Amino acid sequence: MTNPDTSRPLGEFGRITRFFKPLAAGFPGARGLRDDAAVFAVPQGRELVVTTDALVAGVHFFPDDHPGDIAAKLLRTNLSDLAAMGAEPLAYSLVTALPRGIDEAWLTAFAASLGEDQERFGITLTGGDSVSTSGPVTLSVTAFGLVPAGRALPRWGGRPGDGLYVTGSIGDAALGLQVALGKLDIPDEGTRGHLLRRLRRPDPRTTIGPRLIGLAGGALDVSDGLVADLGHLCEESGCAALLESALVPLSDAARGAIDGDPERLVLALTGGDDYELLFSAPDSAGEALAALARDTGVPITAIGRLTEGAAGTVAVLDGQGDPLPIRRPGWDHF
């Protein structure tokens, strides 16, 4: 028996067999990636939540980022969308458009990272597509989650008088991007490392999202920037908001990087890539939210309130209660 010729490229189906077929093991609906589509049923009393996000080299990540970090960000941004709808992760499909220069070492690290996160977040690959491109690395995930029928969290459920809450901390990724671009000098290695990790590997709040059902009114995840995404929630809910910047939770690393600089504070509030949950809730939910934070170990912080006013309007106050000028509320691809 002769040894296989390892000097030849694997080709499309060889790559699928080696790198991605193992990621589909254990999910019968994936059919071993032997068919053109997955087949699976939704349990009685549940609904399917479907979300799709894409990442493009040079836009969402640096071309020389580690493939493990790229894979983690790709899957986790989609998991964050599921969490914002109150859905539990179920499965996902993957599309890779890769330049011919991408080698097997890159794919090995990419697939290994997906496998680690599949185990961590309880989700499985069901299929997808693999193509070549003459452009930058382009990746897309369509994620599927399950939610009790009729209970998915909407963006439009906020009401004037509701409190505004956010999970975790805000601003780490935006500040981390400035570090990665060489525009923000952070001498402390621990601080630099924390900010860069939060940029490259967000923490989707999959343990919290499903437990917000019955507590939250309107909800979404913070991807474009806290101020911008709060504006989206307000627009859909037909109300305005008051955001108190002094209440916005900052990590020790972010607080040290901001160091009292108002421009860096605005960057933290508008820079995006946080992938924290932002939601409204009536005051009656306060004790339950505090208990949820204790149970999950993830802080849930009150940062303001929905108000009567022009739909989509967000007033941001500084630490003295004065208006904080915001020229650009967040990221916009176009």
C-alpha atoms as a PDB file:
ATOM      1  CA  MET A   1       0.000   0.000   0.000  1.00  0.00           C
ATOM      2  CA  THR A   2       1.479   3.335  -1.002  1.00  0.00           C
ATOM      3  CA  ASN A   3       1.361   6.475   1.114  1.00  0.00           C
ATOM      4  CA  PRO A   4      -0.937   9.283  -0.090  1.00  0.00           C
ATOM      5  CA  ASP A   5       0.724  12.149  -1.936  1.00  0.00           C
ATOM      6  CA  THR A   6       0.683  14.890   0.716  1.00  0.00           C
ATOM      7  CA  SER A   7       2.400  17.364  -1.605  1.00  0.00           C
ATOM      8  CA  ARG A   8      -0.746  17.855  -3.693  1.00  0.00           C
ATOM      9  CA  PRO A   9      -3.457  20.315  -2.612  1.00  0.00           C
ATOM     10  CA  LEU A  10      -6.441  18.714  -0.922  1.00  0.00           C
ATOM     11  CA  GLY A  11      -9.030  20.384  -3.123  1.00  0.00           C
ATOM     12  CA  GLU A  12     -12.523  21.404  -2.060  1.00  0.00           C
ATOM     13  CA  PHE A  13     -13.827  18.013  -0.994  1.00  0.00           C
ATOM     14  CA  GLY A  14     -10.575  16.993   0.596  1.00  0.00           C
ATOM     15  CA  ARG A  15     -10.654  20.121   2.734  1.00  0.00           C
ATOM     16  CA  ILE A  16     -14.255  19.476   3.737  1.00  0.00           C
ATOM     17  CA  THR A  17     -13.432  15.893   4.719  1.00  0.00           C
ATOM     18  CA  ARG A  18     -10.313  16.735   6.700  1.00  0.00           C
ATOM     19  CA  PHE A  19     -11.195  20.008   8.395  1.00  0.00           C
ATOM     20  CA  PHE A  20     -14.966  20.388   8.534  1.00  0.00           C
ATOM     21  CA  LYS A  21     -16.573  16.950   8.517  1.00  0.00           C
ATOM     22  CA  PRO A  22     -15.344  16.264  12.089  1.00  0.00           C
ATOM     23  CA  LEU A  23     -17.124  19.448  13.215  1.00  0.00           C
ATOM     24  CA  ALA A  24     -20.451  18.008  12.048  1.00  0.00           C
ATOM     25  CA  ALA A  25     -20.117  14.752  13.976  1.00  0.00           C
ATOM     26  CA  GLY A  26     -22.835  14.117  16.536  1.00  0.00           C
ATOM     27  CA  PHE A  27     -25.545  16.141  14.781  1.00  0.00           C
ATOM     28  CA  PRO A  28     -27.670  13.725  12.723  1.00  0.00           C
ATOM     29  CA  GLY A  29     -29.228  16.530  10.688  1.00  0.00           C
ATOM     30  CA  ALA A  30     -25.818  17.326   9.189  1.00  0.00           C
ATOM     31  CA  ARG A  31     -25.924  13.913   7.440  1.00  0.00           C
ATOM     32  CA  GLY A  32     -22.147  13.659   7.721  1.00  0.00           C
ATOM     33  CA  LEU A  33     -21.813  16.573   5.252  1.00  0.00           C
ATOM     34  CA  ARG A  34     -22.554  14.018   2.519  1.00  0.00           C
ATOM     35  CA  ASP A  35     -25.575  15.862   1.079  1.00  0.00           C
ATOM     36  CA  ASP A  36     -26.172  19.350  -0.271  1.00  0.00           C
ATOM     37  CA  ALA A  37     -28.262  20.427   2.735  1.00  0.00           C
ATOM     38  CA  ALA A  38     -28.957  19.632   6.360  1.00  0.00           C
ATOM     39  CA  VAL A  39     -32.263  18.191   7.571  1.00  0.00           C
ATOM     40  CA  PHE A  40     -33.547  18.635  11.106  1.00  0.00           C
ATOM     41  CA  ALA A  41     -36.809  19.190  12.935  1.00  0.00           C
ATOM     42  CA  VAL A  42     -37.752  21.876  15.451  1.00  0.00           C
ATOM     43  CA  PRO A  43     -39.018  20.464  18.763  1.00  0.00           C
ATOM     44  CA  GLN A  44     -42.680  20.994  19.545  1.00  0.00           C
ATOM     45  CA  GLY A  45     -43.328  24.307  21.278  1.00  0.00           C
ATOM     46  CA  ARG A  46     -40.135  25.885  19.970  1.00  0.00           C
ATOM     47  CA  GLU A  47     -39.336  28.182  17.074  1.00  0.00           C
ATOM     48  CA  LEU A  48     -36.199  28.459  14.987  1.00  0.00           C
ATOM     49  CA  VAL A  49     -34.186  31.684  15.166  1.00  0.00           C
ATOM     50  CA  VAL A  50     -31.884  32.229  12.181  1.00  0.00           C
ATOM     51  CA  THR A  51     -29.110  34.820  11.870  1.00  0.00           C
ATOM     52  CA  THR A  52     -26.301  35.429   9.372  1.00  0.00           C
ATOM     53  CA  ASP A  53     -23.143  37.480   9.804  1.00  0.00           C
ATOM     54  CA  ALA A  54     -20.099  37.832   7.565  1.00  0.00           C
ATOM     55  CA  LEU A  55     -16.503  38.833   8.282  1.00  0.00           C
ATOM     56  CA  VAL A  56     -14.146  40.253   5.664  1.00  0.00           C
ATOM     57  CA  ALA A  57     -10.389  40.597   6.036  1.00  0.00           C
ATOM     58  CA  GLY A  58      -9.395  44.236   6.281  1.00  0.00           C
ATOM     59  CA  VAL A  59     -12.861  45.232   7.502  1.00  0.00           C
ATOM     60  CA  HIS A  60     -13.693  43.013  10.479  1.00  0.00           C
ATOM     61  CA  PHE A  61     -10.259  41.589  11.221  1.00  0.00           C
ATOM     62  CA  PHE A  62      -6.649  42.111  10.186  1.00  0.00           C
ATOM     63  CA  PRO A  63      -5.429  39.864   7.357  1.00  0.00           C
ATOM     64  CA  ASP A  64      -2.565  38.610   9.526  1.00  0.00           C
ATOM     65  CA  ASP A  65      -4.721  37.822  12.575  1.00  0.00           C
ATOM     66  CA  HIS A  66      -4.346  34.290  13.913  1.00  0.00           C
ATOM     67  CA  PRO A  67      -6.869  31.971  12.186  1.00  0.00           C
ATOM     68  CA  GLY A  68      -8.033  30.750  15.600  1.00  0.00           C
ATOM     69  CA  ASP A  69      -9.003  34.285  16.553  1.00  0.00           C
ATOM     70  CA  ILE A  70     -10.768  34.786  13.215  1.00  0.00           C
ATOM     71  CA  ALA A  71     -12.794  31.595  13.673  1.00  0.00           C
ATOM     72  CA  ALA A  72     -13.746  32.537  17.222  1.00  0.00           C
ATOM     73  CA  LYS A  73     -14.936  35.993  16.232  1.00  0.00           C
ATOM     74  CA  LEU A  74     -16.863  34.619  13.257  1.00  0.00           C
ATOM     75  CA  LEU A  75     -18.857  32.126  15.306  1.00  0.00           C
ATOM     76  CA  ARG A  76     -19.241  34.258  18.415  1.00  0.00           C
ATOM     77  CA  THR A  77     -20.702  37.281  16.621  1.00  0.00           C
ATOM     78  CA  ASN A  78     -23.477  35.032  15.351  1.00  0.00           C
ATOM     79  CA  LEU A  79     -23.972  33.483  18.780  1.00  0.00           C
ATOM     80  CA  SER A  80     -24.376  36.996  20.153  1.00  0.00           C
ATOM     81  CA  ASP A  81     -27.236  37.600  17.702  1.00  0.00           C
ATOM     82  CA  LEU A  82     -28.939  34.436  18.932  1.00  0.00           C
ATOM     83  CA  ALA A  83     -28.503  35.509  22.554  1.00  0.00           C
ATOM     84  CA  ALA A  84     -30.055  38.897  21.797  1.00  0.00           C
ATOM     85  CA  MET A  85     -33.181  37.092  20.574  1.00  0.00           C
ATOM     86  CA  GLY A  86     -33.319  34.883  23.663  1.00  0.00           C
ATOM     87  CA  ALA A  87     -32.375  31.793  21.656  1.00  0.00           C
ATOM     88  CA  GLU A  88     -30.280  28.813  22.718  1.00  0.00           C
ATOM     89  CA  PRO A  89     -27.615  27.785  20.156  1.00  0.00           C
ATOM     90  CA  LEU A  90     -28.411  24.729  18.023  1.00  0.00           C
ATOM     91  CA  ALA A  91     -26.382  24.548  14.810  1.00  0.00           C
ATOM     92  CA  TYR A  92     -24.675  26.617  12.116  1.00  0.00           C
ATOM     93  CA  SER A  93     -23.580  26.530   8.496  1.00  0.00           C
ATOM     94  CA  LEU A  94     -20.323  28.001   7.258  1.00  0.00           C
ATOM     95  CA  VAL A  95     -19.224  29.622   4.002  1.00  0.00           C
ATOM     96  CA  THR A  96     -15.514  30.164   3.400  1.00  0.00           C
ATOM     97  CA  ALA A  97     -14.196  32.199   0.457  1.00  0.00           C
ATOM     98  CA  LEU A  98     -10.435  31.786   0.689  1.00  0.00           C
ATOM     99  CA  PRO A  99      -7.519  32.879  -1.503  1.00  0.00           C
ATOM    100  CA  ARG A 100      -5.541  29.988  -2.989  1.00  0.00           C
ATOM    101  CA  GLY A 101      -2.572  30.943  -0.823  1.00  0.00           C
ATOM    102  CA  ILE A 102      -4.347  29.832   2.364  1.00  0.00           C
ATOM    103  CA  ASP A 103      -2.496  26.705   3.479  1.00  0.00           C
ATOM    104  CA  GLU A 104      -3.431  23.658   5.515  1.00  0.00           C
ATOM    105  CA  ALA A 105      -1.803  25.023   8.676  1.00  0.00           C
ATOM    106  CA  TRP A 106      -4.189  28.008   8.527  1.00  0.00           C
ATOM    107  CA  LEU A 107      -7.173  25.700   8.039  1.00  0.00           C
ATOM    108  CA  THR A 108      -6.039  23.411  10.851  1.00  0.00           C
ATOM    109  CA  ALA A 109      -5.926  26.280  13.348  1.00  0.00           C
ATOM    110  CA  PHE A 110      -9.212  27.714  12.033  1.00  0.00           C
ATOM    111  CA  ALA A 111     -11.080  24.417  12.340  1.00  0.00           C
ATOM    112  CA  ALA A 112      -9.566  23.658  15.757  1.00  0.00           C
ATOM    113  CA  SER A 113     -10.838  26.963  17.118  1.00  0.00           C
ATOM    114  CA  LEU A 114     -14.315  26.273  15.747  1.00  0.00           C
ATOM    115  CA  GLY A 115     -14.251  22.891  17.447  1.00  0.00           C
ATOM    116  CA  GLU A 116     -13.310  24.415  20.788  1.00  0.00           C
ATOM    117  CA  ASP A 117     -16.121  26.950  20.608  1.00  0.00           C
ATOM    118  CA  GLN A 118     -18.625  24.331  19.453  1.00  0.00           C
ATOM    119  CA  GLU A 119     -17.960  22.430  22.656  1.00  0.00           C
ATOM    120  CA  ARG A 120     -18.015  25.552  24.787  1.00  0.00           C
ATOM    121  CA  PHE A 121     -21.272  26.964  23.414  1.00  0.00           C
ATOM    122  CA  GLY A 122     -23.131  23.777  22.517  1.00  0.00           C
ATOM    123  CA  ILE A 123     -23.458  24.263  18.771  1.00  0.00           C
ATOM    124  CA  THR A 124     -22.590  22.032  15.784  1.00  0.00           C
ATOM    125  CA  LEU A 125     -21.675  22.545  12.130  1.00  0.00           C
ATOM    126  CA  THR A 126     -24.354  21.368   9.675  1.00  0.00           C
ATOM    127  CA  GLY A 127     -22.809  22.253   6.307  1.00  0.00           C
ATOM    128  CA  GLY A 128     -22.107  25.242   4.103  1.00  0.00           C
ATOM    129  CA  ASP A 129     -19.873  25.966   1.131  1.00  0.00           C
ATOM    130  CA  SER A 130     -16.191  26.376   0.320  1.00  0.00           C
ATOM    131  CA  VAL A 131     -15.011  28.506  -2.594  1.00  0.00           C
ATOM    132  CA  SER A 132     -11.859  30.257  -3.740  1.00  0.00           C
ATOM    133  CA  THR A 133     -11.533  33.991  -4.219  1.00  0.00           C
ATOM    134  CA  SER A 134      -9.039  36.422  -5.699  1.00  0.00           C
ATOM    135  CA  GLY A 135     -10.081  38.946  -3.052  1.00  0.00           C
ATOM    136  CA  PRO A 136      -9.653  39.031   0.714  1.00  0.00           C
ATOM    137  CA  VAL A 137     -10.645  36.196   3.047  1.00  0.00           C
ATOM    138  CA  THR A 138     -14.431  36.350   3.364  1.00  0.00           C
ATOM    139  CA  LEU A 139     -16.317  34.198   5.844  1.00  0.00           C
ATOM    140  CA  SER A 140     -19.975  33.832   6.684  1.00  0.00           C
ATOM    141  CA  VAL A 141     -21.940  31.877   9.286  1.00  0.00           C
ATOM    142  CA  THR A 142     -25.658  31.253   9.407  1.00  0.00           C
ATOM    143  CA  ALA A 143     -26.538  30.242  12.960  1.00  0.00           C
ATOM    144  CA  PHE A 144     -29.694  28.525  14.147  1.00  0.00           C
ATOM    145  CA  GLY A 145     -31.121  28.734  17.640  1.00  0.00           C
ATOM    146  CA  LEU A 146     -34.223  27.618  19.490  1.00  0.00           C
ATOM    147  CA  VAL A 147     -36.625  29.800  21.441  1.00  0.00           C
ATOM    148  CA  PRO A 148     -40.007  29.072  23.055  1.00  0.00           C
ATOM    149  CA  ALA A 149     -42.722  29.651  20.467  1.00  0.00           C
ATOM    150  CA  GLY A 150     -43.810  33.281  20.351  1.00  0.00           C
ATOM    151  CA  ARG A 151     -41.250  34.399  22.960  1.00  0.00           C
ATOM    152  CA  ALA A 152     -38.279  35.640  20.901  1.00  0.00           C
ATOM    153  CA  LEU A 153     -36.988  38.951  22.238  1.00  0.00           C
ATOM    154  CA  PRO A 154     -37.718  41.850  19.844  1.00  0.00           C
ATOM    155  CA  ARG A 155     -35.974  45.165  19.356  1.00  0.00           C
ATOM    156  CA  TRP A 156     -39.328  46.925  19.451  1.00  0.00           C
ATOM    157  CA  GLY A 157     -40.437  45.910  22.946  1.00  0.00           C
ATOM    158  CA  GLY A 158     -39.096  48.928  24.832  1.00  0.00           C
ATOM    159  CA  ARG A 159     -41.477  51.396  26.517  1.00  0.00           C
ATOM    160  CA  PRO A 160     -40.904  54.895  27.950  1.00  0.00           C
ATOM    161  CA  GLY A 161     -40.065  54.522  31.616  1.00  0.00           C
ATOM    162  CA  ASP A 162     -38.213  51.227  31.175  1.00  0.00           C
ATOM    163  CA  GLY A 163     -34.720  51.012  32.585  1.00  0.00           C
ATOM    164  CA  LEU A 164     -31.804  50.374  30.234  1.00  0.00           C
ATOM    165  CA  TYR A 165     -29.319  47.627  31.008  1.00  0.00           C
ATOM    166  CA  VAL A 166     -26.147  46.219  29.503  1.00  0.00           C
ATOM    167  CA  THR A 167     -24.206  43.043  30.237  1.00  0.00           C
ATOM    168  CA  GLY A 168     -20.481  42.824  30.883  1.00  0.00           C
ATOM    169  CA  SER A 169     -18.399  45.859  29.989  1.00  0.00           C
ATOM    170  CA  ILE A 170     -18.303  48.341  27.129  1.00  0.00           C
ATOM    171  CA  GLY A 171     -15.449  49.820  25.113  1.00  0.00           C
ATOM    172  CA  ASP A 172     -12.714  47.186  25.395  1.00  0.00           C
ATOM    173  CA  ALA A 173     -12.858  46.184  21.727  1.00  0.00           C
ATOM    174  CA  ALA A 174     -12.951  49.759  20.430  1.00  0.00           C
ATOM    175  CA  LEU A 175      -9.917  50.640  22.506  1.00  0.00           C
ATOM    176  CA  GLY A 176      -8.260  47.364  21.516  1.00  0.00           C
ATOM    177  CA  LEU A 177      -8.661  48.289  17.864  1.00  0.00           C
ATOM    178  CA  GLN A 178      -6.817  51.540  18.473  1.00  0.00           C
ATOM    179  CA  VAL A 179      -4.047  49.559  20.136  1.00  0.00           C
ATOM    180  CA  ALA A 180      -3.877  47.169  17.171  1.00  0.00           C
ATOM    181  CA  LEU A 181      -3.730  50.117  14.758  1.00  0.00           C
ATOM    182  CA  GLY A 182      -0.880  51.677  16.731  1.00  0.00           C
ATOM    183  CA  LYS A 183      -2.974  54.738  17.570  1.00  0.00           C
ATOM    184  CA  LEU A 184      -3.184  54.119  21.307  1.00  0.00           C
ATOM    185  CA  ASP A 185      -0.028  53.514  23.310  1.00  0.00           C
ATOM    186  CA  ILE A 186      -0.682  51.295  26.339  1.00  0.00           C
ATOM    187  CA  PRO A 187       2.592  50.494  28.126  1.00  0.00           C
ATOM    188  CA  ASP A 188       1.087  47.911  30.481  1.00  0.00           C
ATOM    189  CA  GLU A 189       1.143  44.504  28.772  1.00  0.00           C
ATOM    190  CA  GLY A 190      -1.755  43.141  30.831  1.00  0.00           C
ATOM    191  CA  THR A 191      -3.988  46.043  29.810  1.00  0.00           C
ATOM    192  CA  ARG A 192      -2.973  45.720  26.158  1.00  0.00           C
ATOM    193  CA  GLY A 193      -3.626  41.997  26.212  1.00  0.00           C
ATOM    194  CA  HIS A 194      -7.079  42.358  27.727  1.00  0.00           C
ATOM    195  CA  LEU A 195      -8.187  44.967  25.186  1.00  0.00           C
ATOM    196  CA  LEU A 196      -6.868  42.956  22.242  1.00  0.00           C
ATOM    197  CA  ARG A 197      -8.490  39.735  23.484  1.00  0.00           C
ATOM    198  CA  ARG A 198     -11.851  41.455  23.732  1.00  0.00           C
ATOM    199  CA  LEU A 199     -11.437  42.718  20.167  1.00  0.00           C
ATOM    200  CA  ARG A 200     -10.472  39.341  18.757  1.00  0.00           C
ATOM    201  CA  ARG A 201     -12.580  37.013  20.894  1.00  0.00           C
ATOM    202  CA  PRO A 202     -15.843  38.551  22.105  1.00  0.00           C
ATOM    203  CA  ASP A 203     -17.916  36.837  24.800  1.00  0.00           C
ATOM    204  CA  PRO A 204     -21.435  36.136  23.491  1.00  0.00           C
ATOM    205  CA  ARG A 205     -23.887  36.133  26.404  1.00  0.00           C
ATOM    206  CA  THR A 206     -25.561  32.850  25.513  1.00  0.00           C
ATOM    207  CA  THR A 207     -26.215  31.996  29.161  1.00  0.00           C
ATOM    208  CA  ILE A 208     -28.084  35.247  29.748  1.00  0.00           C
ATOM    209  CA  GLY A 209     -30.098  35.811  26.565  1.00  0.00           C
ATOM    210  CA  PRO A 210     -32.593  32.953  26.992  1.00  0.00           C
ATOM    211  CA  ARG A 211     -33.151  33.917  30.637  1.00  0.00           C
ATOM    212  CA  LEU A 212     -34.137  37.459  29.672  1.00  0.00           C
ATOM    213  CA  ILE A 213     -37.386  36.135  28.224  1.00  0.00           C
ATOM    214  CA  GLY A 214     -40.140  37.441  30.473  1.00  0.00           C
ATOM    215  CA  LEU A 215     -37.867  40.136  31.904  1.00  0.00           C
ATOM    216  CA  ALA A 216     -36.635  42.243  28.971  1.00  0.00           C
ATOM    217  CA  GLY A 217     -38.823  44.407  26.757  1.00  0.00           C
ATOM    218  CA  GLY A 218     -36.611  45.370  23.808  1.00  0.00           C
ATOM    219  CA  ALA A 219     -33.208  43.762  23.258  1.00  0.00           C
ATOM    220  CA  LEU A 220     -30.276  43.599  20.850  1.00  0.00           C
ATOM    221  CA  ASP A 221     -26.539  43.080  20.990  1.00  0.00           C
ATOM    222  CA  VAL A 222     -23.993  45.896  20.831  1.00  0.00           C
ATOM    223  CA  SER A 223     -22.051  45.518  17.607  1.00  0.00           C
ATOM    224  CA  ASP A 224     -22.063  48.962  15.991  1.00  0.00           C
ATOM    225  CA  GLY A 225     -21.486  50.938  19.201  1.00  0.00           C
ATOM    226  CA  LEU A 226     -23.522  51.428  22.374  1.00  0.00           C
ATOM    227  CA  VAL A 227     -24.962  54.805  21.383  1.00  0.00           C
ATOM    228  CA  ALA A 228     -25.799  53.705  17.833  1.00  0.00           C
ATOM    229  CA  ASP A 229     -27.388  50.425  18.890  1.00  0.00           C
ATOM    230  CA  LEU A 230     -29.391  52.137  21.616  1.00  0.00           C
ATOM    231  CA  GLY A 231     -30.658  54.429  18.864  1.00  0.00           C
ATOM    232  CA  HIS A 232     -31.723  51.340  16.879  1.00  0.00           C
ATOM    233  CA  LEU A 233     -33.626  49.983  19.879  1.00  0.00           C
ATOM    234  CA  CYS A 234     -35.318  53.345  20.399  1.00  0.00           C
ATOM    235  CA  GLU A 235     -36.183  53.689  16.722  1.00  0.00           C
ATOM    236  CA  GLU A 236     -37.900  50.322  16.686  1.00  0.00           C
ATOM    237  CA  SER A 237     -39.603  50.938  20.043  1.00  0.00           C
ATOM    238  CA  GLY A 238     -40.860  54.390  19.067  1.00  0.00           C
ATOM    239  CA  CYS A 239     -39.223  56.263  21.936  1.00  0.00           C
ATOM    240  CA  ALA A 240     -36.089  58.149  23.028  1.00  0.00           C
ATOM    241  CA  ALA A 241     -33.428  57.373  25.616  1.00  0.00           C
ATOM    242  CA  LEU A 242     -31.292  58.975  28.275  1.00  0.00           C
ATOM    243  CA  LEU A 243     -27.865  57.356  28.611  1.00  0.00           C
ATOM    244  CA  GLU A 244     -25.711  58.228  31.632  1.00  0.00           C
ATOM    245  CA  SER A 245     -22.106  57.684  30.591  1.00  0.00           C
ATOM    246  CA  ALA A 246     -20.917  57.590  34.201  1.00  0.00           C
ATOM    247  CA  LEU A 247     -23.000  54.436  34.737  1.00  0.00           C
ATOM    248  CA  VAL A 248     -21.701  52.570  31.691  1.00  0.00           C
ATOM    249  CA  PRO A 249     -19.606  49.626  32.966  1.00  0.00           C
ATOM    250  CA  LEU A 250     -15.942  49.774  32.015  1.00  0.00           C
ATOM    251  CA  SER A 251     -13.303  47.131  32.658  1.00  0.00           C
ATOM    252  CA  ASP A 252     -10.252  48.112  34.659  1.00  0.00           C
ATOM    253  CA  ALA A 253      -8.273  47.944  31.415  1.00  0.00           C
ATOM    254  CA  ALA A 254     -10.652  50.282  29.596  1.00  0.00           C
ATOM    255  CA  ARG A 255     -10.795  52.673  32.513  1.00  0.00           C
ATOM    256  CA  GLY A 256      -7.003  52.815  32.591  1.00  0.00           C
ATOM    257  CA  ALA A 257      -6.798  53.344  28.837  1.00  0.00           C
ATOM    258  CA  ILE A 258      -9.380  56.149  28.920  1.00  0.00           C
ATOM    259  CA  ASP A 259      -7.642  57.805  31.881  1.00  0.00           C
ATOM    260  CA  GLY A 260     -10.131  60.665  32.056  1.00  0.00           C
ATOM    261  CA  ASP A 261      -9.830  61.558  28.363  1.00  0.00           C
ATOM    262  CA  PRO A 262     -13.339  62.529  27.135  1.00  0.00           C
ATOM    263  CA  GLU A 263     -12.499  61.642  23.522  1.00  0.00           C
ATOM    264  CA  ARG A 264     -11.482  58.124  24.528  1.00  0.00           C
ATOM    265  CA  LEU A 265     -14.664  57.817  26.570  1.00  0.00           C
ATOM    266  CA  VAL A 266     -16.708  58.729  23.500  1.00  0.00           C
ATOM    267  CA  LEU A 267     -14.717  56.151  21.530  1.00  0.00           C
ATOM    268  CA  ALA A 268     -15.640  53.500  24.098  1.00  0.00           C
ATOM    269  CA  LEU A 269     -19.323  54.446  23.858  1.00  0.00           C
ATOM    270  CA  THR A 270     -19.438  54.460  20.057  1.00  0.00           C
ATOM    271  CA  GLY A 271     -16.654  52.194  18.784  1.00  0.00           C
ATOM    272  CA  GLY A 272     -18.567  48.906  18.657  1.00  0.00           C
ATOM    273  CA  ASP A 273     -17.531  45.239  18.587  1.00  0.00           C
ATOM    274  CA  ASP A 274     -18.597  44.816  22.228  1.00  0.00           C
ATOM    275  CA  TYR A 275     -21.116  42.010  21.589  1.00  0.00           C
ATOM    276  CA  GLU A 276     -22.754  42.642  24.924  1.00  0.00           C
ATOM    277  CA  LEU A 277     -26.534  42.543  25.355  1.00  0.00           C
ATOM    278  CA  LEU A 278     -28.387  45.853  25.577  1.00  0.00           C
ATOM    279  CA  PHE A 279     -31.996  45.694  26.706  1.00  0.00           C
ATOM    280  CA  SER A 280     -34.835  47.529  28.379  1.00  0.00           C
ATOM    281  CA  ALA A 281     -36.853  46.243  31.312  1.00  0.00           C
ATOM    282  CA  PRO A 282     -39.439  47.613  33.725  1.00  0.00           C
ATOM    283  CA  ASP A 283     -38.331  48.466  37.250  1.00  0.00           C
ATOM    284  CA  SER A 284     -40.230  45.430  38.514  1.00  0.00           C
ATOM    285  CA  ALA A 285     -37.595  43.206  36.882  1.00  0.00           C
ATOM    286  CA  GLY A 286     -34.726  44.691  38.887  1.00  0.00           C
ATOM    287  CA  GLU A 287     -34.455  41.966  41.544  1.00  0.00           C
ATOM    288  CA  ALA A 288     -34.680  39.181  38.965  1.00  0.00           C
ATOM    289  CA  LEU A 289     -31.941  40.797  36.874  1.00  0.00           C
ATOM    290  CA  ALA A 290     -29.696  41.091  39.931  1.00  0.00           C
ATOM    291  CA  ALA A 291     -30.259  37.389  40.649  1.00  0.00           C
ATOM    292  CA  LEU A 292     -29.483  36.517  37.016  1.00  0.00           C
ATOM    293  CA  ALA A 293     -26.208  38.421  37.212  1.00  0.00           C
ATOM    294  CA  ARG A 294     -25.266  36.518  40.379  1.00  0.00           C
ATOM    295  CA  ASP A 295     -26.189  33.157  38.852  1.00  0.00           C
ATOM    296  CA  THR A 296     -24.210  33.674  35.646  1.00  0.00           C
ATOM    297  CA  GLY A 297     -21.311  35.674  37.046  1.00  0.00           C
ATOM    298  CA  VAL A 298     -21.845  38.293  34.331  1.00  0.00           C
ATOM    299  CA  PRO A 299     -22.565  41.857  35.521  1.00  0.00           C
ATOM    300  CA  ILE A 300     -25.843  43.433  34.419  1.00  0.00           C
ATOM    301  CA  THR A 301     -25.703  47.206  34.842  1.00  0.00           C
ATOM    302  CA  ALA A 302     -28.397  49.890  34.685  1.00  0.00           C
ATOM    303  CA  ILE A 303     -27.153  52.670  32.392  1.00  0.00           C
ATOM    304  CA  GLY A 304     -30.162  54.903  31.760  1.00  0.00           C
ATOM    305  CA  ARG A 305     -33.812  54.927  30.812  1.00  0.00           C
ATOM    306  CA  LEU A 306     -36.165  55.023  27.860  1.00  0.00           C
ATOM    307  CA  THR A 307     -38.121  58.247  27.625  1.00  0.00           C
ATOM    308  CA  GLU A 308     -40.858  59.955  25.679  1.00  0.00           C
ATOM    309  CA  GLY A 309     -39.475  61.750  22.643  1.00  0.00           C
ATOM    310  CA  ALA A 310     -38.624  61.496  18.977  1.00  0.00           C
ATOM    311  CA  ALA A 311     -38.066  57.854  18.024  1.00  0.00           C
ATOM    312  CA  GLY A 312     -34.382  56.978  17.900  1.00  0.00           C
ATOM    313  CA  THR A 313     -33.136  60.016  19.825  1.00  0.00           C
ATOM    314  CA  VAL A 314     -30.405  59.276  22.388  1.00  0.00           C
ATOM    315  CA  ALA A 315     -29.260  61.936  24.868  1.00  0.00           C
ATOM    316  CA  VAL A 316     -25.872  61.105  26.402  1.00  0.00           C
ATOM    317  CA  LEU A 317     -24.858  62.774  29.667  1.00  0.00           C
ATOM    318  CA  ASP A 318     -21.372  63.136  31.088  1.00  0.00           C
ATOM    319  CA  GLY A 319     -20.426  62.557  34.722  1.00  0.00           C
ATOM    320  CA  GLN A 320     -21.723  65.992  35.720  1.00  0.00           C
ATOM    321  CA  GLY A 321     -25.092  65.482  34.063  1.00  0.00           C
ATOM    322  CA  ASP A 322     -24.274  67.738  31.109  1.00  0.00           C
ATOM    323  CA  PRO A 323     -24.728  66.701  27.452  1.00  0.00           C
ATOM    324  CA  LEU A 324     -21.757  64.753  26.109  1.00  0.00           C
ATOM    325  CA  PRO A 325     -21.146  65.702  22.459  1.00  0.00           C
ATOM    326  CA  ILE A 326     -21.367  62.673  20.162  1.00  0.00           C
ATOM    327  CA  ARG A 327     -20.437  63.403  16.547  1.00  0.00           C
ATOM    328  CA  ARG A 328     -20.772  59.846  15.279  1.00  0.00           C
ATOM    329  CA  PRO A 329     -22.871  57.400  17.336  1.00  0.00           C
ATOM    330  CA  GLY A 330     -21.308  54.241  15.903  1.00  0.00           C
ATOM    331  CA  TRP A 331     -20.104  52.201  12.960  1.00  0.00           C
ATOM    332  CA  ASP A 332     -21.897  52.248   9.607  1.00  0.00           C
ATOM    333  CA  HIS A 333     -20.603  50.132   6.696  1.00  0.00           C
ATOM    334  CA  PHE A 334     -21.993  52.598   4.149  1.00  0.00           C
END
